Amino acid sequence: MVVISKITTQKNNEERFNIFITRGGKEEFAFGVDQDVLIKFGLRKGLEIDEQEIHEVLFEDEIKKAVNLAVQFLSYRMRSEKEVRDYLQKKEISEEAVPQVIEKLLYYNYLDDLEFAKAFVRTRKRTTVKGPYLIRQELIEKGISEDNLVKALKEYSFEEQVDNAFQFAEKKQKQASKTSASAFKQKMNGTLRGKGFSGEVIEIVLNELPEQDENEEWEALKKQGIKAHNRYKKYTGFEYERRMKQYLYGKGFPFPLIERFLNEEEE
């Protein structure tokens, strides 16, 4: 049992106080506490306090500091409960304190995983080219429950998915002047799947893309044909023709256009 001998305000933070105790006839600094903790435990000069009570005071003060840290962390943007837990662990808040901190944040509505997930989906669909499967995976990594995932992803309608995927594919199609229509669609299929769009959405998008007219495809074939010629010009006759056809067909060009290119090359 020790006696609190003095309480002073901290210089850099008027809401925190330094607690001094008398031990063995000598005064010494014991610990610092938040003003709310000071009031809760009724800390005052002359109060006798034992080690167990000091432990309780310090634990309550840790919770108070952790709540303040979390609120500051949440001030920049919404966070999931898991993100806050991970942040507190990074800040070396004890495992015993973290659950109580989370409980307080939930009570005061600083945390709401469902609202966080909904806002996350709305932001992703507006600022990125990502389908629901990829967004779902991101939310799983942030600790969002299955029930909240299902509800949040309703913020991303099927029509919005098609629109986002189509705008992306159409833009890429205009840039693909050296690619056959078949090769482009095959590549775009894989790209959109990688971005988390469903097969149904991708099928609609690819069907809605404007068809590449024959002149555009012919120009694309000629560019690829020149590249193939530079690669295989050391061959002649049948072997040269075989390799050219194999290369151009592999790029998705139809045989009639390939034959036309090779015939014009001979002329």
C-alpha atoms as a PDB file:
ATOM      1  CA  MET A   1       0.000   0.000   0.000  1.00  0.00           C
ATOM      2  CA  VAL A   2       1.282   3.441  -1.012  1.00  0.00           C
ATOM      3  CA  VAL A   3      -0.067   6.971  -0.618  1.00  0.00           C
ATOM      4  CA  ILE A   4      -0.616   9.497  -3.426  1.00  0.00           C
ATOM      5  CA  SER A   5       1.507  12.468  -2.421  1.00  0.00           C
ATOM      6  CA  LYS A   6       1.004  14.818  -5.339  1.00  0.00           C
ATOM      7  CA  ILE A   7      -0.962  15.198  -8.612  1.00  0.00           C
ATOM      8  CA  THR A   8       0.196  17.603 -11.324  1.00  0.00           C
ATOM      9  CA  THR A   9      -1.005  18.510 -14.809  1.00  0.00           C
ATOM     10  CA  GLN A  10       1.229  17.352 -17.655  1.00  0.00           C
ATOM     11  CA  LYS A  11       2.921  20.196 -19.531  1.00  0.00           C
ATOM     12  CA  ASN A  12       2.103  18.982 -23.049  1.00  0.00           C
ATOM     13  CA  ASN A  13      -1.429  17.776 -22.375  1.00  0.00           C
ATOM     14  CA  GLU A  14      -3.729  19.445 -19.878  1.00  0.00           C
ATOM     15  CA  GLU A  15      -6.101  16.465 -19.959  1.00  0.00           C
ATOM     16  CA  ARG A  16      -3.463  14.145 -18.523  1.00  0.00           C
ATOM     17  CA  PHE A  17      -2.076  14.122 -14.973  1.00  0.00           C
ATOM     18  CA  ASN A  18       1.107  12.897 -13.286  1.00  0.00           C
ATOM     19  CA  ILE A  19       0.583  10.848 -10.155  1.00  0.00           C
ATOM     20  CA  PHE A  20       3.292  10.874  -7.453  1.00  0.00           C
ATOM     21  CA  ILE A  21       3.405   8.487  -4.500  1.00  0.00           C
ATOM     22  CA  THR A  22       5.309   8.214  -1.246  1.00  0.00           C
ATOM     23  CA  ARG A  23       7.241   4.970  -0.932  1.00  0.00           C
ATOM     24  CA  GLY A  24       9.680   4.299   1.900  1.00  0.00           C
ATOM     25  CA  GLY A  25       9.458   7.886   3.010  1.00  0.00           C
ATOM     26  CA  LYS A  26      10.458   9.196  -0.419  1.00  0.00           C
ATOM     27  CA  GLU A  27       8.296  10.823  -3.080  1.00  0.00           C
ATOM     28  CA  GLU A  28       8.484   9.365  -6.609  1.00  0.00           C
ATOM     29  CA  PHE A  29       6.639   9.559  -9.918  1.00  0.00           C
ATOM     30  CA  ALA A  30       4.271   6.611 -10.254  1.00  0.00           C
ATOM     31  CA  PHE A  31       2.323   6.972 -13.513  1.00  0.00           C
ATOM     32  CA  GLY A  32       0.333   9.297 -15.763  1.00  0.00           C
ATOM     33  CA  VAL A  33      -3.424   9.081 -16.334  1.00  0.00           C
ATOM     34  CA  ASP A  34      -6.167  10.681 -18.384  1.00  0.00           C
ATOM     35  CA  GLN A  35      -8.497  13.042 -16.542  1.00  0.00           C
ATOM     36  CA  ASP A  36     -11.457  10.695 -17.100  1.00  0.00           C
ATOM     37  CA  VAL A  37      -9.526   7.880 -15.410  1.00  0.00           C
ATOM     38  CA  LEU A  38      -8.512  10.215 -12.593  1.00  0.00           C
ATOM     39  CA  ILE A  39     -12.162  11.055 -11.952  1.00  0.00           C
ATOM     40  CA  LYS A  40     -13.432   7.484 -12.364  1.00  0.00           C
ATOM     41  CA  PHE A  41     -11.081   6.109  -9.698  1.00  0.00           C
ATOM     42  CA  GLY A  42     -11.291   9.181  -7.482  1.00  0.00           C
ATOM     43  CA  LEU A  43      -7.531   9.642  -7.430  1.00  0.00           C
ATOM     44  CA  ARG A  44      -6.483  12.441  -5.041  1.00  0.00           C
ATOM     45  CA  LYS A  45      -3.706  13.516  -2.758  1.00  0.00           C
ATOM     46  CA  GLY A  46      -3.574  11.423   0.414  1.00  0.00           C
ATOM     47  CA  LEU A  47      -5.403   8.417  -1.085  1.00  0.00           C
ATOM     48  CA  GLU A  48      -4.001   5.031  -0.158  1.00  0.00           C
ATOM     49  CA  ILE A  49      -3.728   2.691  -3.131  1.00  0.00           C
ATOM     50  CA  ASP A  50      -2.384  -0.862  -3.503  1.00  0.00           C
ATOM     51  CA  GLU A  51      -0.698  -2.630  -6.437  1.00  0.00           C
ATOM     52  CA  GLN A  52      -3.932  -4.240  -7.655  1.00  0.00           C
ATOM     53  CA  GLU A  53      -5.680  -0.869  -7.750  1.00  0.00           C
ATOM     54  CA  ILE A  54      -2.722   0.661  -9.617  1.00  0.00           C
ATOM     55  CA  HIS A  55      -2.935  -2.160 -12.159  1.00  0.00           C
ATOM     56  CA  GLU A  56      -6.653  -1.450 -12.671  1.00  0.00           C
ATOM     57  CA  VAL A  57      -5.998   2.278 -13.097  1.00  0.00           C
ATOM     58  CA  LEU A  58      -3.241   1.673 -15.662  1.00  0.00           C
ATOM     59  CA  PHE A  59      -5.400  -0.818 -17.576  1.00  0.00           C
ATOM     60  CA  GLU A  60      -8.256   1.682 -17.752  1.00  0.00           C
ATOM     61  CA  ASP A  61      -5.824   4.366 -18.885  1.00  0.00           C
ATOM     62  CA  GLU A  62      -4.512   2.063 -21.625  1.00  0.00           C
ATOM     63  CA  ILE A  63      -8.066   1.596 -22.881  1.00  0.00           C
ATOM     64  CA  LYS A  64      -8.613   5.346 -22.863  1.00  0.00           C
ATOM     65  CA  LYS A  65      -5.408   5.987 -24.832  1.00  0.00           C
ATOM     66  CA  ALA A  66      -6.270   3.198 -27.270  1.00  0.00           C
ATOM     67  CA  VAL A  67      -9.746   4.635 -27.896  1.00  0.00           C
ATOM     68  CA  ASN A  68      -8.189   8.023 -28.654  1.00  0.00           C
ATOM     69  CA  LEU A  69      -5.720   6.381 -31.055  1.00  0.00           C
ATOM     70  CA  ALA A  70      -8.515   4.514 -32.807  1.00  0.00           C
ATOM     71  CA  VAL A  71     -10.699   7.611 -33.147  1.00  0.00           C
ATOM     72  CA  GLN A  72      -7.805   9.482 -34.719  1.00  0.00           C
ATOM     73  CA  PHE A  73      -7.202   6.521 -37.064  1.00  0.00           C
ATOM     74  CA  LEU A  74     -10.879   6.582 -38.027  1.00  0.00           C
ATOM     75  CA  SER A  75     -10.860  10.336 -38.655  1.00  0.00           C
ATOM     76  CA  TYR A  76      -9.161   9.903 -42.051  1.00  0.00           C
ATOM     77  CA  ARG A  77     -11.703   7.463 -43.501  1.00  0.00           C
ATOM     78  CA  MET A  78     -14.055   4.652 -42.527  1.00  0.00           C
ATOM     79  CA  ARG A  79     -12.380   1.437 -41.365  1.00  0.00           C
ATOM     80  CA  SER A  80     -13.468  -2.111 -40.741  1.00  0.00           C
ATOM     81  CA  GLU A  81     -13.320  -3.617 -37.274  1.00  0.00           C
ATOM     82  CA  LYS A  82     -10.419  -5.830 -38.368  1.00  0.00           C
ATOM     83  CA  GLU A  83      -8.462  -2.827 -39.681  1.00  0.00           C
ATOM     84  CA  VAL A  84      -8.806  -1.118 -36.296  1.00  0.00           C
ATOM     85  CA  ARG A  85      -7.815  -4.290 -34.424  1.00  0.00           C
ATOM     86  CA  ASP A  86      -4.725  -4.659 -36.608  1.00  0.00           C
ATOM     87  CA  TYR A  87      -3.854  -0.989 -36.085  1.00  0.00           C
ATOM     88  CA  LEU A  88      -4.128  -1.261 -32.294  1.00  0.00           C
ATOM     89  CA  GLN A  89      -1.951  -4.363 -32.263  1.00  0.00           C
ATOM     90  CA  LYS A  90       0.603  -2.498 -34.372  1.00  0.00           C
ATOM     91  CA  LYS A  91       0.535   0.263 -31.744  1.00  0.00           C
ATOM     92  CA  GLU A  92       1.281  -2.410 -29.112  1.00  0.00           C
ATOM     93  CA  ILE A  93      -2.041  -2.164 -27.293  1.00  0.00           C
ATOM     94  CA  SER A  94      -2.389  -5.255 -25.104  1.00  0.00           C
ATOM     95  CA  GLU A  95      -4.541  -8.188 -26.215  1.00  0.00           C
ATOM     96  CA  GLU A  96      -6.648  -7.751 -23.074  1.00  0.00           C
ATOM     97  CA  ALA A  97      -7.446  -4.109 -23.861  1.00  0.00           C
ATOM     98  CA  VAL A  98      -8.305  -4.412 -27.571  1.00  0.00           C
ATOM     99  CA  PRO A  99     -11.729  -6.129 -27.141  1.00  0.00           C
ATOM    100  CA  GLN A 100     -12.865  -3.455 -24.695  1.00  0.00           C
ATOM    101  CA  VAL A 101     -11.693  -0.705 -27.045  1.00  0.00           C
ATOM    102  CA  ILE A 102     -13.636  -2.262 -29.927  1.00  0.00           C
ATOM    103  CA  GLU A 103     -16.698  -2.570 -27.687  1.00  0.00           C
ATOM    104  CA  LYS A 104     -16.588   1.147 -26.888  1.00  0.00           C
ATOM    105  CA  LEU A 105     -16.114   2.093 -30.542  1.00  0.00           C
ATOM    106  CA  LEU A 106     -19.107  -0.030 -31.527  1.00  0.00           C
ATOM    107  CA  TYR A 107     -21.214   1.475 -28.744  1.00  0.00           C
ATOM    108  CA  TYR A 108     -20.487   5.026 -29.905  1.00  0.00           C
ATOM    109  CA  ASN A 109     -21.016   4.048 -33.581  1.00  0.00           C
ATOM    110  CA  TYR A 110     -17.435   4.691 -34.618  1.00  0.00           C
ATOM    111  CA  LEU A 111     -17.428   1.215 -36.151  1.00  0.00           C
ATOM    112  CA  ASP A 112     -20.031  -0.366 -38.424  1.00  0.00           C
ATOM    113  CA  ASP A 113     -18.786  -3.095 -40.734  1.00  0.00           C
ATOM    114  CA  LEU A 114     -21.929  -3.117 -42.864  1.00  0.00           C
ATOM    115  CA  GLU A 115     -21.845   0.624 -43.559  1.00  0.00           C
ATOM    116  CA  PHE A 116     -18.090   0.412 -44.142  1.00  0.00           C
ATOM    117  CA  ALA A 117     -18.568  -2.408 -46.667  1.00  0.00           C
ATOM    118  CA  LYS A 118     -21.355  -0.560 -48.505  1.00  0.00           C
ATOM    119  CA  ALA A 119     -19.243   2.588 -48.776  1.00  0.00           C
ATOM    120  CA  PHE A 120     -16.261   0.504 -49.918  1.00  0.00           C
ATOM    121  CA  VAL A 121     -18.306  -1.077 -52.726  1.00  0.00           C
ATOM    122  CA  ARG A 122     -19.671   2.294 -53.860  1.00  0.00           C
ATOM    123  CA  THR A 123     -16.167   3.768 -53.986  1.00  0.00           C
ATOM    124  CA  ARG A 124     -14.690   0.812 -55.861  1.00  0.00           C
ATOM    125  CA  LYS A 125     -17.389   0.744 -58.534  1.00  0.00           C
ATOM    126  CA  ARG A 126     -17.013   4.502 -59.040  1.00  0.00           C
ATOM    127  CA  THR A 127     -13.215   4.798 -59.085  1.00  0.00           C
ATOM    128  CA  THR A 128     -11.904   1.456 -60.372  1.00  0.00           C
ATOM    129  CA  VAL A 129     -12.590  -1.158 -63.046  1.00  0.00           C
ATOM    130  CA  LYS A 130     -13.267  -4.007 -60.650  1.00  0.00           C
ATOM    131  CA  GLY A 131     -15.990  -6.593 -60.672  1.00  0.00           C
ATOM    132  CA  PRO A 132     -17.856  -7.899 -57.608  1.00  0.00           C
ATOM    133  CA  TYR A 133     -15.669 -10.987 -57.190  1.00  0.00           C
ATOM    134  CA  LEU A 134     -12.514  -8.926 -56.782  1.00  0.00           C
ATOM    135  CA  ILE A 135     -14.233  -6.410 -54.498  1.00  0.00           C
ATOM    136  CA  ARG A 136     -15.606  -9.314 -52.464  1.00  0.00           C
ATOM    137  CA  GLN A 137     -12.087 -10.659 -51.968  1.00  0.00           C
ATOM    138  CA  GLU A 138     -10.863  -7.252 -50.829  1.00  0.00           C
ATOM    139  CA  LEU A 139     -13.650  -7.067 -48.248  1.00  0.00           C
ATOM    140  CA  ILE A 140     -12.894 -10.584 -46.996  1.00  0.00           C
ATOM    141  CA  GLU A 141      -9.313  -9.464 -46.380  1.00  0.00           C
ATOM    142  CA  LYS A 142     -10.710  -6.583 -44.329  1.00  0.00           C
ATOM    143  CA  GLY A 143     -12.601  -9.030 -42.116  1.00  0.00           C
ATOM    144  CA  ILE A 144     -16.133  -8.423 -43.405  1.00  0.00           C
ATOM    145  CA  SER A 145     -18.574 -11.226 -42.567  1.00  0.00           C
ATOM    146  CA  GLU A 146     -20.402 -13.227 -45.236  1.00  0.00           C
ATOM    147  CA  ASP A 147     -23.750 -11.722 -44.252  1.00  0.00           C
ATOM    148  CA  ASN A 148     -22.431  -8.163 -44.598  1.00  0.00           C
ATOM    149  CA  LEU A 149     -20.680  -9.063 -47.869  1.00  0.00           C
ATOM    150  CA  VAL A 150     -23.939 -10.153 -49.451  1.00  0.00           C
ATOM    151  CA  LYS A 151     -25.719  -6.985 -48.333  1.00  0.00           C
ATOM    152  CA  ALA A 152     -22.893  -4.646 -49.362  1.00  0.00           C
ATOM    153  CA  LEU A 153     -22.464  -6.063 -52.859  1.00  0.00           C
ATOM    154  CA  LYS A 154     -26.088  -5.185 -53.609  1.00  0.00           C
ATOM    155  CA  GLU A 155     -24.733  -1.631 -53.956  1.00  0.00           C
ATOM    156  CA  TYR A 156     -23.178  -2.776 -57.261  1.00  0.00           C
ATOM    157  CA  SER A 157     -26.026  -3.614 -59.625  1.00  0.00           C
ATOM    158  CA  PHE A 158     -25.708  -5.964 -62.590  1.00  0.00           C
ATOM    159  CA  GLU A 159     -26.334  -3.066 -64.965  1.00  0.00           C
ATOM    160  CA  GLU A 160     -23.517  -1.040 -63.363  1.00  0.00           C
ATOM    161  CA  GLN A 161     -21.161  -4.003 -63.703  1.00  0.00           C
ATOM    162  CA  VAL A 162     -21.950  -4.313 -67.427  1.00  0.00           C
ATOM    163  CA  ASP A 163     -21.535  -0.572 -67.927  1.00  0.00           C
ATOM    164  CA  ASN A 164     -18.162  -0.416 -66.157  1.00  0.00           C
ATOM    165  CA  ALA A 165     -16.809  -3.468 -67.963  1.00  0.00           C
ATOM    166  CA  PHE A 166     -18.082  -2.240 -71.338  1.00  0.00           C
ATOM    167  CA  GLN A 167     -16.517   1.211 -71.001  1.00  0.00           C
ATOM    168  CA  PHE A 168     -13.189  -0.399 -70.149  1.00  0.00           C
ATOM    169  CA  ALA A 169     -13.362  -2.902 -73.026  1.00  0.00           C
ATOM    170  CA  GLU A 170     -14.457  -0.282 -75.563  1.00  0.00           C
ATOM    171  CA  LYS A 171     -11.548   1.989 -74.616  1.00  0.00           C
ATOM    172  CA  LYS A 172      -9.078  -0.880 -74.962  1.00  0.00           C
ATOM    173  CA  GLN A 173     -10.598  -1.895 -78.299  1.00  0.00           C
ATOM    174  CA  LYS A 174      -9.887   1.546 -79.752  1.00  0.00           C
ATOM    175  CA  GLN A 175      -6.253   1.183 -78.704  1.00  0.00           C
ATOM    176  CA  ALA A 176      -5.870  -2.326 -80.166  1.00  0.00           C
ATOM    177  CA  SER A 177      -5.059  -1.368 -83.758  1.00  0.00           C
ATOM    178  CA  LYS A 178      -2.550  -4.210 -84.140  1.00  0.00           C
ATOM    179  CA  THR A 179      -4.839  -6.975 -82.887  1.00  0.00           C
ATOM    180  CA  SER A 180      -7.430  -9.111 -84.643  1.00  0.00           C
ATOM    181  CA  ALA A 181     -11.027  -8.983 -83.435  1.00  0.00           C
ATOM    182  CA  SER A 182     -10.851 -12.610 -82.312  1.00  0.00           C
ATOM    183  CA  ALA A 183      -7.576 -12.176 -80.421  1.00  0.00           C
ATOM    184  CA  PHE A 184      -8.785  -8.981 -78.795  1.00  0.00           C
ATOM    185  CA  LYS A 185     -11.984 -10.595 -77.501  1.00  0.00           C
ATOM    186  CA  GLN A 186     -10.084 -13.597 -76.211  1.00  0.00           C
ATOM    187  CA  LYS A 187      -7.629 -11.376 -74.372  1.00  0.00           C
ATOM    188  CA  MET A 188     -10.391  -9.105 -73.049  1.00  0.00           C
ATOM    189  CA  ASN A 189     -12.273 -12.130 -71.739  1.00  0.00           C
ATOM    190  CA  GLY A 190      -9.282 -13.043 -69.584  1.00  0.00           C
ATOM    191  CA  THR A 191      -8.681  -9.448 -68.520  1.00  0.00           C
ATOM    192  CA  LEU A 192     -12.241  -8.930 -67.326  1.00  0.00           C
ATOM    193  CA  ARG A 193     -12.242 -12.242 -65.470  1.00  0.00           C
ATOM    194  CA  GLY A 194      -9.041 -11.181 -63.748  1.00  0.00           C
ATOM    195  CA  LYS A 195     -10.773  -7.965 -62.704  1.00  0.00           C
ATOM    196  CA  GLY A 196     -13.548  -9.913 -61.012  1.00  0.00           C
ATOM    197  CA  PHE A 197     -16.416  -9.781 -63.513  1.00  0.00           C
ATOM    198  CA  SER A 198     -18.717 -12.742 -64.034  1.00  0.00           C
ATOM    199  CA  GLY A 199     -18.933 -14.804 -67.221  1.00  0.00           C
ATOM    200  CA  GLU A 200     -22.450 -13.473 -67.817  1.00  0.00           C
ATOM    201  CA  VAL A 201     -21.286  -9.850 -67.684  1.00  0.00           C
ATOM    202  CA  ILE A 202     -18.315 -10.573 -69.927  1.00  0.00           C
ATOM    203  CA  GLU A 203     -20.462 -12.321 -72.529  1.00  0.00           C
ATOM    204  CA  ILE A 204     -22.805  -9.321 -72.734  1.00  0.00           C
ATOM    205  CA  VAL A 205     -19.899  -6.879 -72.994  1.00  0.00           C
ATOM    206  CA  LEU A 206     -18.108  -8.775 -75.752  1.00  0.00           C
ATOM    207  CA  ASN A 207     -21.337  -9.125 -77.730  1.00  0.00           C
ATOM    208  CA  GLU A 208     -22.074  -5.411 -77.415  1.00  0.00           C
ATOM    209  CA  LEU A 209     -18.639  -4.259 -78.583  1.00  0.00           C
ATOM    210  CA  PRO A 210     -18.754  -2.756 -82.077  1.00  0.00           C
ATOM    211  CA  GLU A 211     -17.524  -5.167 -84.731  1.00  0.00           C
ATOM    212  CA  GLN A 212     -14.166  -4.405 -86.249  1.00  0.00           C
ATOM    213  CA  ASP A 213     -14.758  -3.675 -89.936  1.00  0.00           C
ATOM    214  CA  GLU A 214     -12.790  -5.549 -92.598  1.00  0.00           C
ATOM    215  CA  ASN A 215     -10.513  -2.608 -93.368  1.00  0.00           C
ATOM    216  CA  GLU A 216      -9.514  -2.226 -89.704  1.00  0.00           C
ATOM    217  CA  GLU A 217      -8.825  -5.936 -89.391  1.00  0.00           C
ATOM    218  CA  TRP A 218      -6.901  -5.896 -92.682  1.00  0.00           C
ATOM    219  CA  GLU A 219      -4.710  -3.060 -91.435  1.00  0.00           C
ATOM    220  CA  ALA A 220      -4.133  -4.901 -88.178  1.00  0.00           C
ATOM    221  CA  LEU A 221      -3.212  -8.058 -90.089  1.00  0.00           C
ATOM    222  CA  LYS A 222      -0.734  -6.169 -92.276  1.00  0.00           C
ATOM    223  CA  LYS A 223       1.049  -4.840 -89.194  1.00  0.00           C
ATOM    224  CA  GLN A 224       1.293  -8.307 -87.719  1.00  0.00           C
ATOM    225  CA  GLY A 225       2.226  -9.722 -91.123  1.00  0.00           C
ATOM    226  CA  ILE A 226       5.216  -7.392 -91.424  1.00  0.00           C
ATOM    227  CA  LYS A 227       6.341  -8.403 -87.963  1.00  0.00           C
ATOM    228  CA  ALA A 228       5.967 -12.099 -88.876  1.00  0.00           C
ATOM    229  CA  HIS A 229       7.826 -11.597 -92.160  1.00  0.00           C
ATOM    230  CA  ASN A 230      10.790 -10.048 -90.366  1.00  0.00           C
ATOM    231  CA  ARG A 231      10.868 -13.063 -88.091  1.00  0.00           C
ATOM    232  CA  TYR A 232      10.565 -15.754 -90.776  1.00  0.00           C
ATOM    233  CA  LYS A 233      12.171 -14.178 -93.865  1.00  0.00           C
ATOM    234  CA  LYS A 234      15.117 -16.579 -93.613  1.00  0.00           C
ATOM    235  CA  TYR A 235      12.731 -19.365 -94.668  1.00  0.00           C
ATOM    236  CA  THR A 236      11.412 -19.907 -98.199  1.00  0.00           C
ATOM    237  CA  GLY A 237       8.620 -21.672-100.019  1.00  0.00           C
ATOM    238  CA  PHE A 238       6.351 -23.996 -98.080  1.00  0.00           C
ATOM    239  CA  GLU A 239       8.172 -23.570 -94.755  1.00  0.00           C
ATOM    240  CA  TYR A 240       7.903 -19.769 -94.914  1.00  0.00           C
ATOM    241  CA  GLU A 241       4.198 -19.944 -95.789  1.00  0.00           C
ATOM    242  CA  ARG A 242       3.494 -22.492 -93.058  1.00  0.00           C
ATOM    243  CA  ARG A 243       5.139 -20.417 -90.377  1.00  0.00           C
ATOM    244  CA  MET A 244       3.422 -17.202 -91.533  1.00  0.00           C
ATOM    245  CA  LYS A 245      -0.005 -18.840 -91.504  1.00  0.00           C
ATOM    246  CA  GLN A 246       0.596 -20.408 -88.122  1.00  0.00           C
ATOM    247  CA  TYR A 247       1.702 -17.097 -86.617  1.00  0.00           C
ATOM    248  CA  LEU A 248      -1.146 -15.006 -88.057  1.00  0.00           C
ATOM    249  CA  TYR A 249      -3.793 -17.593 -87.256  1.00  0.00           C
ATOM    250  CA  GLY A 250      -2.473 -17.693 -83.705  1.00  0.00           C
ATOM    251  CA  LYS A 251      -3.116 -13.943 -83.571  1.00  0.00           C
ATOM    252  CA  GLY A 252      -6.782 -14.601 -84.325  1.00  0.00           C
ATOM    253  CA  PHE A 253      -6.954 -13.547 -87.981  1.00  0.00           C
ATOM    254  CA  PRO A 254      -9.281 -15.491 -90.347  1.00  0.00           C
ATOM    255  CA  PHE A 255      -7.736 -17.659 -93.056  1.00  0.00           C
ATOM    256  CA  PRO A 256      -9.220 -15.664 -96.007  1.00  0.00           C
ATOM    257  CA  LEU A 257      -7.397 -12.503 -94.857  1.00  0.00           C
ATOM    258  CA  ILE A 258      -4.191 -14.448 -94.226  1.00  0.00           C
ATOM    259  CA  GLU A 259      -4.340 -15.902 -97.740  1.00  0.00           C
ATOM    260  CA  ARG A 260      -4.980 -12.456 -99.160  1.00  0.00           C
ATOM    261  CA  PHE A 261      -1.935 -11.063 -97.364  1.00  0.00           C
ATOM    262  CA  LEU A 262       0.343 -13.872 -98.561  1.00  0.00           C
ATOM    263  CA  ASN A 263      -0.948 -13.567-102.141  1.00  0.00           C
ATOM    264  CA  GLU A 264      -0.358  -9.818-102.194  1.00  0.00           C
ATOM    265  CA  GLU A 265       3.084 -10.386-100.722  1.00  0.00           C
ATOM    266  CA  GLU A 266       3.962 -12.637-103.681  1.00  0.00           C
ATOM    267  CA  GLU A 267       2.829 -10.074-106.240  1.00  0.00           C
END
